[in-house]
Amino acid sequence: MRKYLIALAVTVSVAIAAMGFIAWKSVDRQKSAGVNVEVISAARQEAKQLYPMCLDSPAAVHNGVATGTEHFEDLLTTDPKKARAKLVDVVVPVIESRQLACTSTLADFGEVKKIASQKDGYVEGAQPKVEAVIARFKTTHLAADQLREAIDRNAPKDELLAKLAALRTSTN
């Protein structure tokens, strides 16, 4: 029994050493190719932290817009200045903060692609999803800007309500 445990320990040690050697050679190969492995690692790690936040962002923005605009129908007709302030101070920052997480993720992906000597499977698979979320946020931000603009020019109630409906549906 003791011989088997010693053989198992030696086998595991050799396997770990082999994996370490392979990883070291990979890093060494990239360094010799002029790739700054530390920068790639930092950018990739930051992107991995921001990526889930970006993917969860549409739901968070949808909830933020729904909560931030729940009494807008009344405010748009009774107190447009208060509706505008709520739109600018509550709703738009929710959109912009989540949009920033996605654009930062995309920038980190770009950094990895620019520096890496070979394609990164994680970046290649995640980038289209991030770009799709950013496109949704552009639509939502545009709808919020159009509502703010309509409030600023004292648009009729029907137009304001239509712009509000467009804002709410833009997050779906």
C-alpha atoms as a PDB file:
ATOM      1  CA  MET A   1       0.000   0.000   0.000  1.00  0.00           C
ATOM      2  CA  ARG A   2       2.809   2.344   0.893  1.00  0.00           C
ATOM      3  CA  LYS A   3       4.468   1.775  -2.504  1.00  0.00           C
ATOM      4  CA  TYR A   4       1.246   2.718  -4.278  1.00  0.00           C
ATOM      5  CA  LEU A   5       0.936   5.972  -2.333  1.00  0.00           C
ATOM      6  CA  ILE A   6       4.555   6.854  -3.078  1.00  0.00           C
ATOM      7  CA  ALA A   7       4.029   6.025  -6.782  1.00  0.00           C
ATOM      8  CA  LEU A   8       0.869   8.156  -6.837  1.00  0.00           C
ATOM      9  CA  ALA A   9       2.645  11.081  -5.156  1.00  0.00           C
ATOM     10  CA  VAL A  10       5.545  10.876  -7.615  1.00  0.00           C
ATOM     11  CA  THR A  11       3.157  10.693 -10.583  1.00  0.00           C
ATOM     12  CA  VAL A  12       1.193  13.720  -9.391  1.00  0.00           C
ATOM     13  CA  SER A  13       4.427  15.642  -8.781  1.00  0.00           C
ATOM     14  CA  VAL A  14       5.708  14.841 -12.262  1.00  0.00           C
ATOM     15  CA  ALA A  15       2.373  15.862 -13.816  1.00  0.00           C
ATOM     16  CA  ILE A  16       2.362  19.172 -11.946  1.00  0.00           C
ATOM     17  CA  ALA A  17       5.967  19.831 -12.920  1.00  0.00           C
ATOM     18  CA  ALA A  18       5.152  19.070 -16.569  1.00  0.00           C
ATOM     19  CA  MET A  19       2.180  21.474 -16.555  1.00  0.00           C
ATOM     20  CA  GLY A  20       4.349  24.139 -14.956  1.00  0.00           C
ATOM     21  CA  PHE A  21       7.035  23.630 -17.573  1.00  0.00           C
ATOM     22  CA  ILE A  22       4.485  23.877 -20.397  1.00  0.00           C
ATOM     23  CA  ALA A  23       3.027  27.079 -18.936  1.00  0.00           C
ATOM     24  CA  TRP A  24       6.504  28.539 -18.459  1.00  0.00           C
ATOM     25  CA  LYS A  25       7.423  27.737 -22.079  1.00  0.00           C
ATOM     26  CA  SER A  26       4.219  29.363 -23.296  1.00  0.00           C
ATOM     27  CA  VAL A  27       4.934  32.558 -21.358  1.00  0.00           C
ATOM     28  CA  ASP A  28       8.586  32.479 -22.410  1.00  0.00           C
ATOM     29  CA  ARG A  29       7.577  32.052 -26.066  1.00  0.00           C
ATOM     30  CA  GLN A  30       5.274  35.083 -25.828  1.00  0.00           C
ATOM     31  CA  LYS A  31       7.955  37.156 -24.107  1.00  0.00           C
ATOM     32  CA  SER A  32      10.477  36.295 -26.790  1.00  0.00           C
ATOM     33  CA  ALA A  33       7.883  37.391 -29.371  1.00  0.00           C
ATOM     34  CA  GLY A  34       7.791  40.828 -27.695  1.00  0.00           C
ATOM     35  CA  VAL A  35       4.447  40.296 -25.957  1.00  0.00           C
ATOM     36  CA  ASN A  36       4.013  41.968 -22.573  1.00  0.00           C
ATOM     37  CA  VAL A  37       2.396  39.108 -20.696  1.00  0.00           C
ATOM     38  CA  GLU A  38       1.732  41.176 -17.567  1.00  0.00           C
ATOM     39  CA  VAL A  39      -0.280  43.770 -19.492  1.00  0.00           C
ATOM     40  CA  ILE A  40      -2.288  41.097 -21.286  1.00  0.00           C
ATOM     41  CA  SER A  41      -2.953  39.302 -18.033  1.00  0.00           C
ATOM     42  CA  ALA A  42      -4.113  42.494 -16.302  1.00  0.00           C
ATOM     43  CA  ALA A  43      -6.372  43.517 -19.200  1.00  0.00           C
ATOM     44  CA  ARG A  44      -7.810  40.033 -19.491  1.00  0.00           C
ATOM     45  CA  GLN A  45      -8.425  39.811 -15.740  1.00  0.00           C
ATOM     46  CA  GLU A  46     -10.203  43.182 -15.693  1.00  0.00           C
ATOM     47  CA  ALA A  47     -12.308  42.156 -18.682  1.00  0.00           C
ATOM     48  CA  LYS A  48     -13.245  38.909 -16.928  1.00  0.00           C
ATOM     49  CA  GLN A  49     -14.470  40.919 -13.942  1.00  0.00           C
ATOM     50  CA  LEU A  50     -16.441  43.431 -16.011  1.00  0.00           C
ATOM     51  CA  TYR A  51     -17.874  40.962 -18.529  1.00  0.00           C
ATOM     52  CA  PRO A  52     -20.531  39.440 -16.214  1.00  0.00           C
ATOM     53  CA  MET A  53     -21.540  42.921 -15.093  1.00  0.00           C
ATOM     54  CA  CYS A  54     -21.940  43.923 -18.716  1.00  0.00           C
ATOM     55  CA  LEU A  55     -24.054  40.870 -19.540  1.00  0.00           C
ATOM     56  CA  ASP A  56     -26.297  41.533 -16.521  1.00  0.00           C
ATOM     57  CA  SER A  57     -26.575  45.208 -17.414  1.00  0.00           C
ATOM     58  CA  PRO A  58     -29.622  45.114 -19.704  1.00  0.00           C
ATOM     59  CA  ALA A  59     -31.764  43.638 -16.932  1.00  0.00           C
ATOM     60  CA  ALA A  60     -30.390  46.137 -14.403  1.00  0.00           C
ATOM     61  CA  VAL A  61     -31.003  49.049 -16.759  1.00  0.00           C
ATOM     62  CA  HIS A  62     -34.501  47.798 -17.512  1.00  0.00           C
ATOM     63  CA  ASN A  63     -35.265  47.707 -13.778  1.00  0.00           C
ATOM     64  CA  GLY A  64     -33.619  51.105 -13.253  1.00  0.00           C
ATOM     65  CA  VAL A  65     -35.631  52.693 -16.056  1.00  0.00           C
ATOM     66  CA  ALA A  66     -38.850  51.080 -14.841  1.00  0.00           C
ATOM     67  CA  THR A  67     -38.238  52.246 -11.269  1.00  0.00           C
ATOM     68  CA  GLY A  68     -36.948  55.673 -12.257  1.00  0.00           C
ATOM     69  CA  THR A  69     -39.900  56.416 -14.523  1.00  0.00           C
ATOM     70  CA  GLU A  70     -42.749  54.789 -12.592  1.00  0.00           C
ATOM     71  CA  HIS A  71     -44.590  58.085 -11.889  1.00  0.00           C
ATOM     72  CA  PHE A  72     -43.585  59.858 -15.090  1.00  0.00           C
ATOM     73  CA  GLU A  73     -47.035  59.884 -16.639  1.00  0.00           C
ATOM     74  CA  ASP A  74     -48.218  62.246 -13.881  1.00  0.00           C
ATOM     75  CA  LEU A  75     -44.963  64.203 -13.635  1.00  0.00           C
ATOM     76  CA  LEU A  76     -44.802  64.908 -17.357  1.00  0.00           C
ATOM     77  CA  THR A  77     -48.118  66.744 -17.208  1.00  0.00           C
ATOM     78  CA  THR A  78     -47.977  68.252 -13.703  1.00  0.00           C
ATOM     79  CA  ASP A  79     -44.281  69.058 -13.171  1.00  0.00           C
ATOM     80  CA  PRO A  80     -42.123  68.610 -16.289  1.00  0.00           C
ATOM     81  CA  LYS A  81     -39.093  70.161 -14.548  1.00  0.00           C
ATOM     82  CA  LYS A  82     -39.209  67.513 -11.831  1.00  0.00           C
ATOM     83  CA  ALA A  83     -39.621  64.797 -14.487  1.00  0.00           C
ATOM     84  CA  ARG A  84     -36.602  66.163 -16.355  1.00  0.00           C
ATOM     85  CA  ALA A  85     -34.536  66.296 -13.169  1.00  0.00           C
ATOM     86  CA  LYS A  86     -35.446  62.707 -12.331  1.00  0.00           C
ATOM     87  CA  LEU A  87     -34.617  61.623 -15.864  1.00  0.00           C
ATOM     88  CA  VAL A  88     -31.229  63.367 -15.808  1.00  0.00           C
ATOM     89  CA  ASP A  89     -30.312  62.573 -12.189  1.00  0.00           C
ATOM     90  CA  VAL A  90     -31.668  59.032 -11.815  1.00  0.00           C
ATOM     91  CA  VAL A  91     -32.395  57.306 -15.118  1.00  0.00           C
ATOM     92  CA  VAL A  92     -29.530  58.462 -17.347  1.00  0.00           C
ATOM     93  CA  PRO A  93     -26.792  57.719 -14.757  1.00  0.00           C
ATOM     94  CA  VAL A  94     -28.081  54.137 -14.472  1.00  0.00           C
ATOM     95  CA  ILE A  95     -27.762  53.759 -18.236  1.00  0.00           C
ATOM     96  CA  GLU A  96     -24.353  55.428 -18.405  1.00  0.00           C
ATOM     97  CA  SER A  97     -22.814  53.478 -15.516  1.00  0.00           C
ATOM     98  CA  ARG A  98     -23.725  50.139 -17.061  1.00  0.00           C
ATOM     99  CA  GLN A  99     -22.700  51.369 -20.480  1.00  0.00           C
ATOM    100  CA  LEU A 100     -19.298  52.283 -19.019  1.00  0.00           C
ATOM    101  CA  ALA A 101     -18.822  48.737 -17.724  1.00  0.00           C
ATOM    102  CA  CYS A 102     -19.434  47.400 -21.222  1.00  0.00           C
ATOM    103  CA  THR A 103     -17.230  49.910 -23.029  1.00  0.00           C
ATOM    104  CA  SER A 104     -14.457  49.254 -20.498  1.00  0.00           C
ATOM    105  CA  THR A 105     -14.786  45.528 -21.134  1.00  0.00           C
ATOM    106  CA  LEU A 106     -14.586  46.151 -24.863  1.00  0.00           C
ATOM    107  CA  ALA A 107     -11.494  48.342 -24.383  1.00  0.00           C
ATOM    108  CA  ASP A 108      -9.827  45.593 -22.355  1.00  0.00           C
ATOM    109  CA  PHE A 109     -10.664  43.078 -25.074  1.00  0.00           C
ATOM    110  CA  GLY A 110      -9.087  45.425 -27.610  1.00  0.00           C
ATOM    111  CA  GLU A 111      -5.953  45.693 -25.473  1.00  0.00           C
ATOM    112  CA  VAL A 112      -5.646  41.910 -25.286  1.00  0.00           C
ATOM    113  CA  LYS A 113      -6.165  41.558 -29.051  1.00  0.00           C
ATOM    114  CA  LYS A 114      -3.636  44.292 -29.801  1.00  0.00           C
ATOM    115  CA  ILE A 115      -0.867  42.830 -27.657  1.00  0.00           C
ATOM    116  CA  ALA A 116      -1.456  39.069 -27.867  1.00  0.00           C
ATOM    117  CA  SER A 117       0.518  37.084 -30.385  1.00  0.00           C
ATOM    118  CA  GLN A 118      -2.313  34.612 -30.859  1.00  0.00           C
ATOM    119  CA  LYS A 119      -6.107  34.751 -30.690  1.00  0.00           C
ATOM    120  CA  ASP A 120      -7.661  34.538 -27.256  1.00  0.00           C
ATOM    121  CA  GLY A 121     -10.688  32.227 -27.288  1.00  0.00           C
ATOM    122  CA  TYR A 122     -12.322  33.930 -24.329  1.00  0.00           C
ATOM    123  CA  VAL A 123     -12.071  37.372 -25.924  1.00  0.00           C
ATOM    124  CA  GLU A 124     -13.196  36.134 -29.332  1.00  0.00           C
ATOM    125  CA  GLY A 125     -16.299  34.502 -27.853  1.00  0.00           C
ATOM    126  CA  ALA A 126     -17.263  37.304 -25.493  1.00  0.00           C
ATOM    127  CA  GLN A 127     -16.682  40.358 -27.678  1.00  0.00           C
ATOM    128  CA  PRO A 128     -19.784  39.975 -29.918  1.00  0.00           C
ATOM    129  CA  LYS A 129     -22.000  39.681 -26.839  1.00  0.00           C
ATOM    130  CA  VAL A 130     -20.539  42.861 -25.347  1.00  0.00           C
ATOM    131  CA  GLU A 131     -20.964  44.712 -28.645  1.00  0.00           C
ATOM    132  CA  ALA A 132     -24.633  43.662 -28.758  1.00  0.00           C
ATOM    133  CA  VAL A 133     -25.227  44.996 -25.239  1.00  0.00           C
ATOM    134  CA  ILE A 134     -23.507  48.276 -26.129  1.00  0.00           C
ATOM    135  CA  ALA A 135     -25.774  48.627 -29.170  1.00  0.00           C
ATOM    136  CA  ARG A 136     -28.827  48.166 -26.916  1.00  0.00           C
ATOM    137  CA  PHE A 137     -27.532  50.837 -24.568  1.00  0.00           C
ATOM    138  CA  LYS A 138     -27.053  53.280 -27.427  1.00  0.00           C
ATOM    139  CA  THR A 139     -30.723  52.826 -28.296  1.00  0.00           C
ATOM    140  CA  THR A 140     -31.781  53.308 -24.671  1.00  0.00           C
ATOM    141  CA  HIS A 141     -29.565  56.363 -24.229  1.00  0.00           C
ATOM    142  CA  LEU A 142     -30.928  57.852 -27.446  1.00  0.00           C
ATOM    143  CA  ALA A 143     -34.500  57.309 -26.218  1.00  0.00           C
ATOM    144  CA  ALA A 144     -33.670  59.034 -22.910  1.00  0.00           C
ATOM    145  CA  ASP A 145     -32.079  61.950 -24.780  1.00  0.00           C
ATOM    146  CA  GLN A 146     -35.141  62.272 -27.012  1.00  0.00           C
ATOM    147  CA  LEU A 147     -37.438  62.344 -23.987  1.00  0.00           C
ATOM    148  CA  ARG A 148     -35.280  64.995 -22.313  1.00  0.00           C
ATOM    149  CA  GLU A 149     -35.280  67.038 -25.502  1.00  0.00           C
ATOM    150  CA  ALA A 150     -39.083  66.766 -25.761  1.00  0.00           C
ATOM    151  CA  ILE A 151     -39.447  67.922 -22.144  1.00  0.00           C
ATOM    152  CA  ASP A 152     -37.095  70.854 -22.813  1.00  0.00           C
ATOM    153  CA  ARG A 153     -39.159  72.109 -25.735  1.00  0.00           C
ATOM    154  CA  ASN A 154     -42.479  71.658 -23.889  1.00  0.00           C
ATOM    155  CA  ALA A 155     -43.785  69.030 -26.283  1.00  0.00           C
ATOM    156  CA  PRO A 156     -47.464  68.035 -26.078  1.00  0.00           C
ATOM    157  CA  LYS A 157     -48.503  65.342 -23.594  1.00  0.00           C
ATOM    158  CA  ASP A 158     -49.080  62.714 -26.292  1.00  0.00           C
ATOM    159  CA  GLU A 159     -45.560  63.144 -27.658  1.00  0.00           C
ATOM    160  CA  LEU A 160     -44.037  63.005 -24.170  1.00  0.00           C
ATOM    161  CA  LEU A 161     -45.917  59.799 -23.382  1.00  0.00           C
ATOM    162  CA  ALA A 162     -44.829  58.293 -26.715  1.00  0.00           C
ATOM    163  CA  LYS A 163     -41.192  59.166 -25.959  1.00  0.00           C
ATOM    164  CA  LEU A 164     -41.567  57.672 -22.473  1.00  0.00           C
ATOM    165  CA  ALA A 165     -42.987  54.466 -23.954  1.00  0.00           C
ATOM    166  CA  ALA A 166     -40.083  54.349 -26.413  1.00  0.00           C
ATOM    167  CA  LEU A 167     -37.627  54.697 -23.521  1.00  0.00           C
ATOM    168  CA  ARG A 168     -39.280  51.919 -21.559  1.00  0.00           C
ATOM    169  CA  THR A 169     -39.401  49.532 -24.515  1.00  0.00           C
ATOM    170  CA  SER A 170     -35.834  50.308 -25.595  1.00  0.00           C
ATOM    171  CA  THR A 171     -34.516  48.339 -22.626  1.00  0.00           C
ATOM    172  CA  ASN A 172     -36.195  45.081 -23.719  1.00  0.00           C
END
